[in-house]
C-alpha atoms as a PDB file:
ATOM      1  CA  MET A   1     -71.880 -68.387  28.259  1.00  0.00           C
ATOM      2  CA  ASN A   2     -71.623 -71.487  26.129  1.00  0.00           C
ATOM      3  CA  LYS A   3     -70.824 -69.474  22.992  1.00  0.00           C
ATOM      4  CA  LYS A   4     -68.217 -67.435  24.862  1.00  0.00           C
ATOM      5  CA  SER A   5     -66.691 -70.556  26.357  1.00  0.00           C
ATOM      6  CA  SER A   6     -66.587 -72.203  22.914  1.00  0.00           C
ATOM      7  CA  LEU A   7     -64.938 -69.110  21.418  1.00  0.00           C
ATOM      8  CA  ASN A   8     -62.308 -69.001  24.175  1.00  0.00           C
ATOM      9  CA  LYS A   9     -61.599 -72.680  23.647  1.00  0.00           C
ATOM     10  CA  SER A  10     -61.148 -72.131  19.883  1.00  0.00           C
ATOM     11  CA  LEU A  11     -58.828 -69.179  20.514  1.00  0.00           C
ATOM     12  CA  LEU A  12     -56.743 -71.214  22.955  1.00  0.00           C
ATOM     13  CA  ARG A  13     -56.455 -74.036  20.418  1.00  0.00           C
ATOM     14  CA  THR A  14     -55.416 -71.617  17.668  1.00  0.00           C
ATOM     15  CA  TRP A  15     -52.872 -69.955  19.943  1.00  0.00           C
ATOM     16  CA  SER A  16     -51.550 -73.380  20.963  1.00  0.00           C
ATOM     17  CA  ILE A  17     -50.722 -74.141  17.315  1.00  0.00           C
ATOM     18  CA  ILE A  18     -49.302 -70.676  16.565  1.00  0.00           C
ATOM     19  CA  SER A  19     -47.151 -70.546  19.715  1.00  0.00           C
ATOM     20  CA  SER A  20     -45.846 -74.056  19.044  1.00  0.00           C
ATOM     21  CA  VAL A  21     -44.799 -73.080  15.507  1.00  0.00           C
ATOM     22  CA  ILE A  22     -43.128 -69.902  16.833  1.00  0.00           C
ATOM     23  CA  ILE A  23     -41.145 -71.879  19.444  1.00  0.00           C
ATOM     24  CA  LEU A  24     -40.201 -74.449  16.779  1.00  0.00           C
ATOM     25  CA  ALA A  25     -38.981 -71.631  14.495  1.00  0.00           C
ATOM     26  CA  ILE A  26     -36.883 -70.223  17.342  1.00  0.00           C
ATOM     27  CA  LEU A  27     -35.408 -73.644  18.077  1.00  0.00           C
ATOM     28  CA  THR A  28     -34.638 -74.176  14.370  1.00  0.00           C
ATOM     29  CA  ALA A  29     -32.823 -70.823  14.247  1.00  0.00           C
ATOM     30  CA  ILE A  30     -30.838 -71.810  17.344  1.00  0.00           C
ATOM     31  CA  TRP A  31     -29.967 -75.215  15.848  1.00  0.00           C
ATOM     32  CA  THR A  32     -28.769 -73.548  12.619  1.00  0.00           C
ATOM     33  CA  SER A  33     -26.666 -71.025  14.553  1.00  0.00           C
ATOM     34  CA  LEU A  34     -25.120 -73.774  16.685  1.00  0.00           C
ATOM     35  CA  TYR A  35     -24.282 -75.763  13.553  1.00  0.00           C
ATOM     36  CA  ASP A  36     -22.466 -72.730  12.116  1.00  0.00           C
ATOM     37  CA  LEU A  37     -20.665 -72.216  15.433  1.00  0.00           C
ATOM     38  CA  SER A  38     -19.624 -75.890  15.529  1.00  0.00           C
ATOM     39  CA  SER A  39     -18.261 -75.634  12.003  1.00  0.00           C
ATOM     40  CA  ILE A  40     -16.133 -72.622  12.983  1.00  0.00           C
ATOM     41  CA  ILE A  41     -14.813 -74.375  16.106  1.00  0.00           C
ATOM     42  CA  LEU A  42     -14.011 -77.701  14.443  1.00  0.00           C
ATOM     43  CA  ASN A  43     -12.803 -76.369  11.100  1.00  0.00           C
ATOM     44  CA  LYS A  44      -9.399 -75.709  12.660  1.00  0.00           C
ATOM     45  CA  TYR A  45      -9.023 -79.307  13.836  1.00  0.00           C
ATOM     46  CA  THR A  46     -10.788 -81.680  11.426  1.00  0.00           C
ATOM     47  CA  GLU A  47     -12.537 -81.894   8.048  1.00  0.00           C
ATOM     48  CA  ASN A  48     -14.876 -84.652   9.266  1.00  0.00           C
ATOM     49  CA  TYR A  49     -18.358 -83.222   8.610  1.00  0.00           C
ATOM     50  CA  ILE A  50     -19.927 -85.790  10.955  1.00  0.00           C
ATOM     51  CA  ALA A  51     -17.905 -84.232  13.771  1.00  0.00           C
ATOM     52  CA  PHE A  52     -19.498 -80.878  12.843  1.00  0.00           C
ATOM     53  CA  PHE A  53     -22.959 -82.410  12.954  1.00  0.00           C
ATOM     54  CA  ALA A  54     -22.346 -84.354  16.183  1.00  0.00           C
ATOM     55  CA  LEU A  55     -21.100 -81.285  18.067  1.00  0.00           C
ATOM     56  CA  ALA A  56     -23.885 -79.113  16.659  1.00  0.00           C
ATOM     57  CA  MET A  57     -26.537 -81.632  17.697  1.00  0.00           C
ATOM     58  CA  ALA A  58     -24.991 -81.929  21.164  1.00  0.00           C
ATOM     59  CA  PHE A  59     -25.187 -78.144  21.592  1.00  0.00           C
ATOM     60  CA  SER A  60     -28.713 -78.109  20.127  1.00  0.00           C
ATOM     61  CA  THR A  61     -29.944 -80.804  22.498  1.00  0.00           C
ATOM     62  CA  ILE A  62     -28.573 -78.900  25.486  1.00  0.00           C
ATOM     63  CA  ALA A  63     -30.167 -75.660  24.216  1.00  0.00           C
ATOM     64  CA  THR A  64     -33.532 -77.377  23.599  1.00  0.00           C
ATOM     65  CA  SER A  65     -33.484 -78.944  27.074  1.00  0.00           C
ATOM     66  CA  ILE A  66     -32.695 -75.584  28.701  1.00  0.00           C
ATOM     67  CA  ILE A  67     -35.433 -73.745  26.752  1.00  0.00           C
ATOM     68  CA  LEU A  68     -38.086 -76.349  27.601  1.00  0.00           C
ATOM     69  CA  THR A  69     -37.010 -76.446  31.251  1.00  0.00           C
ATOM     70  CA  VAL A  70     -37.088 -72.659  31.601  1.00  0.00           C
ATOM     71  CA  SER A  71     -40.446 -72.451  29.763  1.00  0.00           C
ATOM     72  CA  TYR A  72     -42.051 -74.806  32.277  1.00  0.00           C
ATOM     73  CA  SER A  73     -39.953 -73.970  35.350  1.00  0.00           C
ATOM     74  CA  TYR A  74     -43.050 -72.821  37.271  1.00  0.00           C
ATOM     75  CA  LYS A  75     -44.560 -76.332  37.055  1.00  0.00           C
ATOM     76  CA  LEU A  76     -41.519 -78.454  36.228  1.00  0.00           C
ATOM     77  CA  LYS A  77     -42.377 -81.380  38.525  1.00  0.00           C
ATOM     78  CA  LYS A  78     -45.791 -81.749  36.900  1.00  0.00           C
ATOM     79  CA  GLN A  79     -44.289 -81.455  33.409  1.00  0.00           C
ATOM     80  CA  ILE A  80     -41.686 -84.150  34.120  1.00  0.00           C
ATOM     81  CA  SER A  81     -44.566 -86.514  34.850  1.00  0.00           C
ATOM     82  CA  ILE A  82     -46.522 -85.386  31.748  1.00  0.00           C
ATOM     83  CA  TRP A  83     -43.473 -85.757  29.504  1.00  0.00           C
ATOM     84  CA  GLY A  84     -42.755 -89.236  30.849  1.00  0.00           C
ATOM     85  CA  LEU A  85     -39.199 -88.467  31.977  1.00  0.00           C
ATOM     86  CA  ASN A  86     -39.837 -90.327  35.211  1.00  0.00           C
ATOM     87  CA  LYS A  87     -41.489 -93.363  33.588  1.00  0.00           C
ATOM     88  CA  LYS A  88     -40.058 -96.623  32.339  1.00  0.00           C
ATOM     89  CA  PHE A  89     -41.476 -98.331  29.281  1.00  0.00           C
ATOM     90  CA  SER A  90     -42.373-102.005  29.290  1.00  0.00           C
ATOM     91  CA  THR A  91     -40.372-104.686  27.500  1.00  0.00           C
ATOM     92  CA  LYS A  92     -43.501-105.518  25.490  1.00  0.00           C
ATOM     93  CA  ASN A  93     -43.739-101.951  24.191  1.00  0.00           C
ATOM     94  CA  PHE A  94     -40.059-102.019  23.273  1.00  0.00           C
ATOM     95  CA  TRP A  95     -40.426-105.147  21.136  1.00  0.00           C
ATOM     96  CA  ILE A  96     -43.615-103.952  19.459  1.00  0.00           C
ATOM     97  CA  TYR A  97     -42.568-100.377  18.707  1.00  0.00           C
ATOM     98  CA  ALA A  98     -38.788-100.008  18.676  1.00  0.00           C
ATOM     99  CA  LEU A  99     -38.016-103.105  16.642  1.00  0.00           C
ATOM    100  CA  SER A 100     -40.907-102.481  14.245  1.00  0.00           C
ATOM    101  CA  ALA A 101     -38.978 -99.374  13.114  1.00  0.00           C
ATOM    102  CA  ALA A 102     -36.121-101.619  11.991  1.00  0.00           C
ATOM    103  CA  PHE A 103     -38.470-104.206  10.477  1.00  0.00           C
ATOM    104  CA  VAL A 104     -40.200-101.621   8.235  1.00  0.00           C
ATOM    105  CA  LEU A 105     -36.847-100.499   6.796  1.00  0.00           C
ATOM    106  CA  ILE A 106     -35.415-104.014   6.406  1.00  0.00           C
ATOM    107  CA  ILE A 107     -38.568-105.311   4.692  1.00  0.00           C
ATOM    108  CA  ALA A 108     -38.603-102.278   2.367  1.00  0.00           C
ATOM    109  CA  THR A 109     -34.927-102.841   1.503  1.00  0.00           C
ATOM    110  CA  PHE A 110     -35.569-106.538   0.838  1.00  0.00           C
ATOM    111  CA  ILE A 111     -38.433-105.723  -1.563  1.00  0.00           C
ATOM    112  CA  ILE A 112     -36.363-103.055  -3.336  1.00  0.00           C
ATOM    113  CA  THR A 113     -33.390-105.402  -3.837  1.00  0.00           C
ATOM    114  CA  ILE A 114     -35.387-108.432  -5.022  1.00  0.00           C
ATOM    115  CA  THR A 115     -37.168-106.251  -7.589  1.00  0.00           C
ATOM    116  CA  LYS A 116     -33.698-105.208  -8.829  1.00  0.00           C
ATOM    117  CA  ASP A 117     -34.532-101.539  -8.217  1.00  0.00           C
ATOM    118  CA  ALA A 118     -31.274-101.191  -6.258  1.00  0.00           C
ATOM    119  CA  ASP A 119     -28.239-103.292  -5.317  1.00  0.00           C
ATOM    120  CA  LEU A 120     -26.989-103.678  -1.732  1.00  0.00           C
ATOM    121  CA  ASN A 121     -23.272-104.373  -1.187  1.00  0.00           C
ATOM    122  CA  TYR A 122     -21.261-104.949   1.982  1.00  0.00           C
ATOM    123  CA  ASN A 123     -18.412-102.497   2.606  1.00  0.00           C
ATOM    124  CA  GLU A 124     -15.628-104.623   4.082  1.00  0.00           C
ATOM    125  CA  LEU A 125     -13.430-101.678   5.090  1.00  0.00           C
ATOM    126  CA  ILE A 126     -16.171 -99.542   6.606  1.00  0.00           C
ATOM    127  CA  SER A 127     -17.220 -99.936  10.224  1.00  0.00           C
ATOM    128  CA  LEU A 128     -20.104 -98.246  11.980  1.00  0.00           C
ATOM    129  CA  GLN A 129     -18.480 -95.007  13.119  1.00  0.00           C
ATOM    130  CA  PHE A 130     -18.748 -93.940  16.734  1.00  0.00           C
ATOM    131  CA  LEU A 131     -19.462 -90.347  15.641  1.00  0.00           C
ATOM    132  CA  ASN A 132     -22.388 -91.566  13.509  1.00  0.00           C
ATOM    133  CA  ILE A 133     -23.900 -93.235  16.565  1.00  0.00           C
ATOM    134  CA  ILE A 134     -23.415 -90.107  18.698  1.00  0.00           C
ATOM    135  CA  PHE A 135     -24.799 -87.867  15.952  1.00  0.00           C
ATOM    136  CA  PHE A 136     -27.964 -89.899  15.375  1.00  0.00           C
ATOM    137  CA  LEU A 137     -28.511 -90.349  19.108  1.00  0.00           C
ATOM    138  CA  PHE A 138     -28.465 -86.573  19.589  1.00  0.00           C
ATOM    139  CA  ILE A 139     -30.803 -86.106  16.604  1.00  0.00           C
ATOM    140  CA  ALA A 140     -33.260 -88.567  18.158  1.00  0.00           C
ATOM    141  CA  ILE A 141     -33.112 -86.898  21.579  1.00  0.00           C
ATOM    142  CA  ASN A 142     -33.352 -83.385  20.151  1.00  0.00           C
ATOM    143  CA  GLU A 143     -36.276 -84.021  17.795  1.00  0.00           C
ATOM    144  CA  GLU A 144     -38.202 -86.204  20.258  1.00  0.00           C
ATOM    145  CA  PHE A 145     -37.830 -83.606  23.008  1.00  0.00           C
ATOM    146  CA  THR A 146     -39.153 -81.016  20.563  1.00  0.00           C
ATOM    147  CA  PHE A 147     -41.897 -82.849  18.667  1.00  0.00           C
ATOM    148  CA  ARG A 148     -43.117 -85.450  21.152  1.00  0.00           C
ATOM    149  CA  MET A 149     -42.217 -84.165  24.626  1.00  0.00           C
ATOM    150  CA  PHE A 150     -43.072 -80.529  23.879  1.00  0.00           C
ATOM    151  CA  LEU A 151     -45.276 -80.264  20.776  1.00  0.00           C
ATOM    152  CA  PHE A 152     -47.472 -83.371  21.111  1.00  0.00           C
ATOM    153  CA  SER A 153     -47.899 -82.890  24.879  1.00  0.00           C
ATOM    154  CA  LYS A 154     -48.901 -79.250  24.293  1.00  0.00           C
ATOM    155  CA  MET A 155     -51.370 -80.191  21.557  1.00  0.00           C
ATOM    156  CA  LYS A 156     -52.906 -82.945  23.687  1.00  0.00           C
ATOM    157  CA  ARG A 157     -53.885 -80.396  26.354  1.00  0.00           C
ATOM    158  CA  ARG A 158     -55.981 -78.451  23.809  1.00  0.00           C
ATOM    159  CA  PHE A 159     -57.196 -81.185  21.439  1.00  0.00           C
ATOM    160  CA  LYS A 160     -58.378 -84.767  21.588  1.00  0.00           C
ATOM    161  CA  PRO A 161     -55.431 -87.234  21.529  1.00  0.00           C
ATOM    162  CA  PHE A 162     -56.081 -88.340  17.921  1.00  0.00           C
ATOM    163  CA  VAL A 163     -56.276 -84.740  16.663  1.00  0.00           C
ATOM    164  CA  ALA A 164     -53.079 -83.909  18.588  1.00  0.00           C
ATOM    165  CA  LEU A 165     -51.485 -86.965  16.981  1.00  0.00           C
ATOM    166  CA  LEU A 166     -52.341 -85.724  13.476  1.00  0.00           C
ATOM    167  CA  LEU A 167     -51.425 -82.058  14.046  1.00  0.00           C
ATOM    168  CA  SER A 168     -48.034 -82.700  15.666  1.00  0.00           C
ATOM    169  CA  SER A 169     -47.193 -85.278  12.975  1.00  0.00           C
ATOM    170  CA  LEU A 170     -48.036 -82.740  10.254  1.00  0.00           C
ATOM    171  CA  ILE A 171     -45.784 -80.090  11.827  1.00  0.00           C
ATOM    172  CA  PHE A 172     -43.034 -82.720  12.176  1.00  0.00           C
ATOM    173  CA  ALA A 173     -43.319 -83.464   8.444  1.00  0.00           C
ATOM    174  CA  LEU A 174     -43.386 -79.802   7.398  1.00  0.00           C
ATOM    175  CA  TYR A 175     -40.316 -79.080   9.530  1.00  0.00           C
ATOM    176  CA  HIS A 176     -38.341 -81.419   7.254  1.00  0.00           C
ATOM    177  CA  LEU A 177     -38.971 -79.135   4.274  1.00  0.00           C
ATOM    178  CA  ILE A 178     -35.557 -77.687   5.150  1.00  0.00           C
ATOM    179  CA  THR A 179     -33.870 -80.980   4.183  1.00  0.00           C
ATOM    180  CA  PRO A 180     -32.337 -81.469   0.693  1.00  0.00           C
ATOM    181  CA  ASN A 181     -34.055 -83.325  -2.179  1.00  0.00           C
ATOM    182  CA  ILE A 182     -37.417 -83.530  -0.387  1.00  0.00           C
ATOM    183  CA  ASP A 183     -40.637 -83.921  -2.375  1.00  0.00           C
ATOM    184  CA  THR A 184     -44.326 -84.683  -1.798  1.00  0.00           C
ATOM    185  CA  LEU A 185     -43.984 -88.418  -1.131  1.00  0.00           C
ATOM    186  CA  ALA A 186     -41.246 -87.790   1.437  1.00  0.00           C
ATOM    187  CA  ILE A 187     -43.507 -85.298   3.256  1.00  0.00           C
ATOM    188  CA  ILE A 188     -46.305 -87.898   3.335  1.00  0.00           C
ATOM    189  CA  ASN A 189     -43.901 -90.511   4.714  1.00  0.00           C
ATOM    190  CA  LEU A 190     -42.528 -88.116   7.320  1.00  0.00           C
ATOM    191  CA  PHE A 191     -46.100 -87.440   8.432  1.00  0.00           C
ATOM    192  CA  LEU A 192     -46.598 -91.209   8.822  1.00  0.00           C
ATOM    193  CA  ILE A 193     -43.253 -91.497  10.639  1.00  0.00           C
ATOM    194  CA  GLY A 194     -44.340 -88.725  13.010  1.00  0.00           C
ATOM    195  CA  MET A 195     -47.535 -90.692  13.736  1.00  0.00           C
ATOM    196  CA  PHE A 196     -45.439 -93.821  14.277  1.00  0.00           C
ATOM    197  CA  PHE A 197     -43.221 -92.128  16.881  1.00  0.00           C
ATOM    198  CA  ASN A 198     -46.215 -90.423  18.503  1.00  0.00           C
ATOM    199  CA  LEU A 199     -47.937 -93.787  18.924  1.00  0.00           C
ATOM    200  CA  GLY A 200     -44.878 -95.094  20.737  1.00  0.00           C
ATOM    201  CA  TYR A 201     -45.086 -92.101  23.078  1.00  0.00           C
ATOM    202  CA  ILE A 202     -48.838 -92.588  23.611  1.00  0.00           C
ATOM    203  CA  SER A 203     -48.468 -96.296  24.294  1.00  0.00           C
ATOM    204  CA  SER A 204     -45.566 -96.062  26.750  1.00  0.00           C
ATOM    205  CA  GLY A 205     -46.238 -92.656  28.300  1.00  0.00           C
ATOM    206  CA  SER A 206     -42.463 -92.289  28.261  1.00  0.00           C
ATOM    207  CA  ILE A 207     -40.291 -90.138  25.998  1.00  0.00           C
ATOM    208  CA  TYR A 208     -37.560 -92.780  26.102  1.00  0.00           C
ATOM    209  CA  LEU A 209     -39.372 -95.172  23.745  1.00  0.00           C
ATOM    210  CA  PRO A 210     -39.809 -92.719  20.811  1.00  0.00           C
ATOM    211  CA  ILE A 211     -36.167 -91.658  21.280  1.00  0.00           C
ATOM    212  CA  ILE A 212     -35.106 -95.292  20.824  1.00  0.00           C
ATOM    213  CA  MET A 213     -37.503 -95.710  17.871  1.00  0.00           C
ATOM    214  CA  HIS A 214     -36.144 -92.566  16.187  1.00  0.00           C
ATOM    215  CA  PHE A 215     -32.529 -93.607  16.765  1.00  0.00           C
ATOM    216  CA  ILE A 216     -33.122 -97.104  15.345  1.00  0.00           C
ATOM    217  CA  TRP A 217     -35.005 -95.639  12.357  1.00  0.00           C
ATOM    218  CA  ASN A 218     -32.121 -93.342  11.396  1.00  0.00           C
ATOM    219  CA  ILE A 219     -29.209 -95.649  12.203  1.00  0.00           C
ATOM    220  CA  VAL A 220     -30.673 -98.608  10.267  1.00  0.00           C
ATOM    221  CA  GLN A 221     -31.494 -96.748   7.047  1.00  0.00           C
ATOM    222  CA  GLY A 222     -28.281 -94.676   6.973  1.00  0.00           C
ATOM    223  CA  PRO A 223     -25.108 -95.973   8.658  1.00  0.00           C
ATOM    224  CA  ILE A 224     -26.208 -99.628   8.363  1.00  0.00           C
ATOM    225  CA  LEU A 225     -28.146-100.074   5.086  1.00  0.00           C
ATOM    226  CA  GLY A 226     -26.490 -97.176   3.250  1.00  0.00           C
ATOM    227  CA  PHE A 227     -29.532 -95.171   2.122  1.00  0.00           C
ATOM    228  CA  SER A 228     -29.674 -91.400   2.425  1.00  0.00           C
ATOM    229  CA  VAL A 229     -31.265 -90.166   5.651  1.00  0.00           C
ATOM    230  CA  SER A 230     -33.534 -87.189   4.949  1.00  0.00           C
ATOM    231  CA  GLY A 231     -31.512 -86.460   1.819  1.00  0.00           C
ATOM    232  CA  LEU A 232     -28.058 -86.756   3.442  1.00  0.00           C
ATOM    233  CA  ILE A 233     -25.509 -89.548   2.836  1.00  0.00           C
ATOM    234  CA  TYR A 234     -23.345 -91.129   5.559  1.00  0.00           C
ATOM    235  CA  GLU A 235     -20.634 -93.789   5.676  1.00  0.00           C
ATOM    236  CA  SER A 236     -22.294 -97.164   6.120  1.00  0.00           C
ATOM    237  CA  LEU A 237     -21.811-100.896   6.601  1.00  0.00           C
ATOM    238  CA  PHE A 238     -23.595-101.518   3.307  1.00  0.00           C
ATOM    239  CA  SER A 239     -23.690 -99.380   0.180  1.00  0.00           C
ATOM    240  CA  VAL A 240     -26.702 -98.950  -2.091  1.00  0.00           C
ATOM    241  CA  ASN A 241     -26.284 -98.725  -5.834  1.00  0.00           C
ATOM    242  CA  ILE A 242     -29.346 -97.005  -7.322  1.00  0.00           C
ATOM    243  CA  THR A 243     -29.209 -96.953 -11.103  1.00  0.00           C
ATOM    244  CA  ASN A 244     -32.603 -95.358 -11.644  1.00  0.00           C
ATOM    245  CA  PRO A 245     -33.915 -93.147  -8.803  1.00  0.00           C
ATOM    246  CA  ASP A 246     -37.689 -93.571  -8.472  1.00  0.00           C
ATOM    247  CA  ILE A 247     -40.496 -93.814  -5.937  1.00  0.00           C
ATOM    248  CA  ILE A 248     -39.671 -97.478  -5.308  1.00  0.00           C
ATOM    249  CA  ASN A 249     -36.126 -96.978  -4.011  1.00  0.00           C
ATOM    250  CA  GLY A 250     -36.630 -93.417  -2.757  1.00  0.00           C
ATOM    251  CA  GLY A 251     -33.999 -91.839  -4.994  1.00  0.00           C
ATOM    252  CA  ASN A 252     -31.663 -89.222  -3.536  1.00  0.00           C
ATOM    253  CA  TYR A 253     -33.810 -88.640  -0.453  1.00  0.00           C
ATOM    254  CA  GLY A 254     -33.598 -92.252   0.744  1.00  0.00           C
ATOM    255  CA  LEU A 255     -36.105 -94.784   2.043  1.00  0.00           C
ATOM    256  CA  GLU A 256     -38.242 -92.021   3.518  1.00  0.00           C
ATOM    257  CA  ASN A 257     -39.173 -91.203  -0.094  1.00  0.00           C
ATOM    258  CA  SER A 258     -40.127 -94.784  -1.020  1.00  0.00           C
ATOM    259  CA  ILE A 259     -43.707 -95.824  -1.814  1.00  0.00           C
ATOM    260  CA  ILE A 260     -42.934 -99.206  -0.238  1.00  0.00           C
ATOM    261  CA  VAL A 261     -42.184 -97.497   3.069  1.00  0.00           C
ATOM    262  CA  THR A 262     -45.459 -95.564   2.659  1.00  0.00           C
ATOM    263  CA  ALA A 263     -47.428 -98.814   2.409  1.00  0.00           C
ATOM    264  CA  LEU A 264     -45.594-100.451   5.321  1.00  0.00           C
ATOM    265  CA  LEU A 265     -46.028 -97.399   7.578  1.00  0.00           C
ATOM    266  CA  ILE A 266     -49.751 -97.172   6.785  1.00  0.00           C
ATOM    267  CA  ILE A 267     -50.179-100.838   7.734  1.00  0.00           C
ATOM    268  CA  ALA A 268     -48.082-100.447  10.901  1.00  0.00           C
ATOM    269  CA  ASN A 269     -49.911 -97.268  11.978  1.00  0.00           C
ATOM    270  CA  ILE A 270     -53.372 -98.777  11.432  1.00  0.00           C
ATOM    271  CA  ILE A 271     -52.438-101.802  13.561  1.00  0.00           C
ATOM    272  CA  LEU A 272     -50.930 -99.614  16.311  1.00  0.00           C
ATOM    273  CA  ILE A 273     -53.819 -97.100  16.285  1.00  0.00           C
ATOM    274  CA  ARG A 274     -56.306 -99.949  16.752  1.00  0.00           C
ATOM    275  CA  LYS A 275     -54.139-101.301  19.564  1.00  0.00           C
ATOM    276  CA  GLU A 276     -54.089 -97.957  21.404  1.00  0.00           C
ATOM    277  CA  MET A 277     -57.822 -97.401  20.817  1.00  0.00           C
ATOM    278  CA  LYS A 278     -58.579-100.743  22.422  1.00  0.00           C
ATOM    279  CA  ALA A 279     -56.350 -99.744  25.334  1.00  0.00           C
ATOM    280  CA  GLY A 280     -58.350 -96.509  25.683  1.00  0.00           C
ATOM    281  CA  LYS A 281     -55.347 -94.264  24.971  1.00  0.00           C
ATOM    282  CA  LEU A 282     -56.770 -92.758  21.763  1.00  0.00           C
END
């Protein structure tokens, strides 16, 4: 009985990973299709590519929400509690987690500029575009619904919390292989970023905190500081002049490909993991 029970448990864990990857692949295909549809719709009215992205992400977020709701419709009330949609996060958690996302990026930028690895200049005529804010907000909601609310919660039912933390973070990193200019260091950093967001979810028990963390992470490095976000460039308050792309400044992929960000995320994650272990959440 014990051997059979152990085998069934292993099969359920394997299926949990496989089914999660299948659902993620389906969602990715839907997101890509919606992006193409948005381009067709907006191409007649504007050449602003951010408008394409913003509309596509809005459609994608709606589609993701519908798919997850339908998938768990038979136990939706229970899932809402598990996902943390009905929970508020504490002010303490906000200060520790959400603002630490900004601090990691600002400290990394400071180190990069003082070492003369890149120059940061203020763009007087550029303001933080409303469409940028909408776009990155939808990205945060969409990816956090998918990777934290769905994937991590699903993994946690089959694995110990720390194993679920590692597995969902790995899948989050591998998903970004579709982004331009990505390399090994960026994948490592995205794995660490996934852990960072997961820890916010574990600590608060609410999906709202990792959404805020994700939004701050993207908006600070891209539309504010002027670095590429996952290999893509956006209009920004500051502009970055990189004369020699390397692992210090992150090159064409942005800060998520910087060894400085790697070090800062490792330090932040170790501190936060110890915090959650002491709280009995890991």
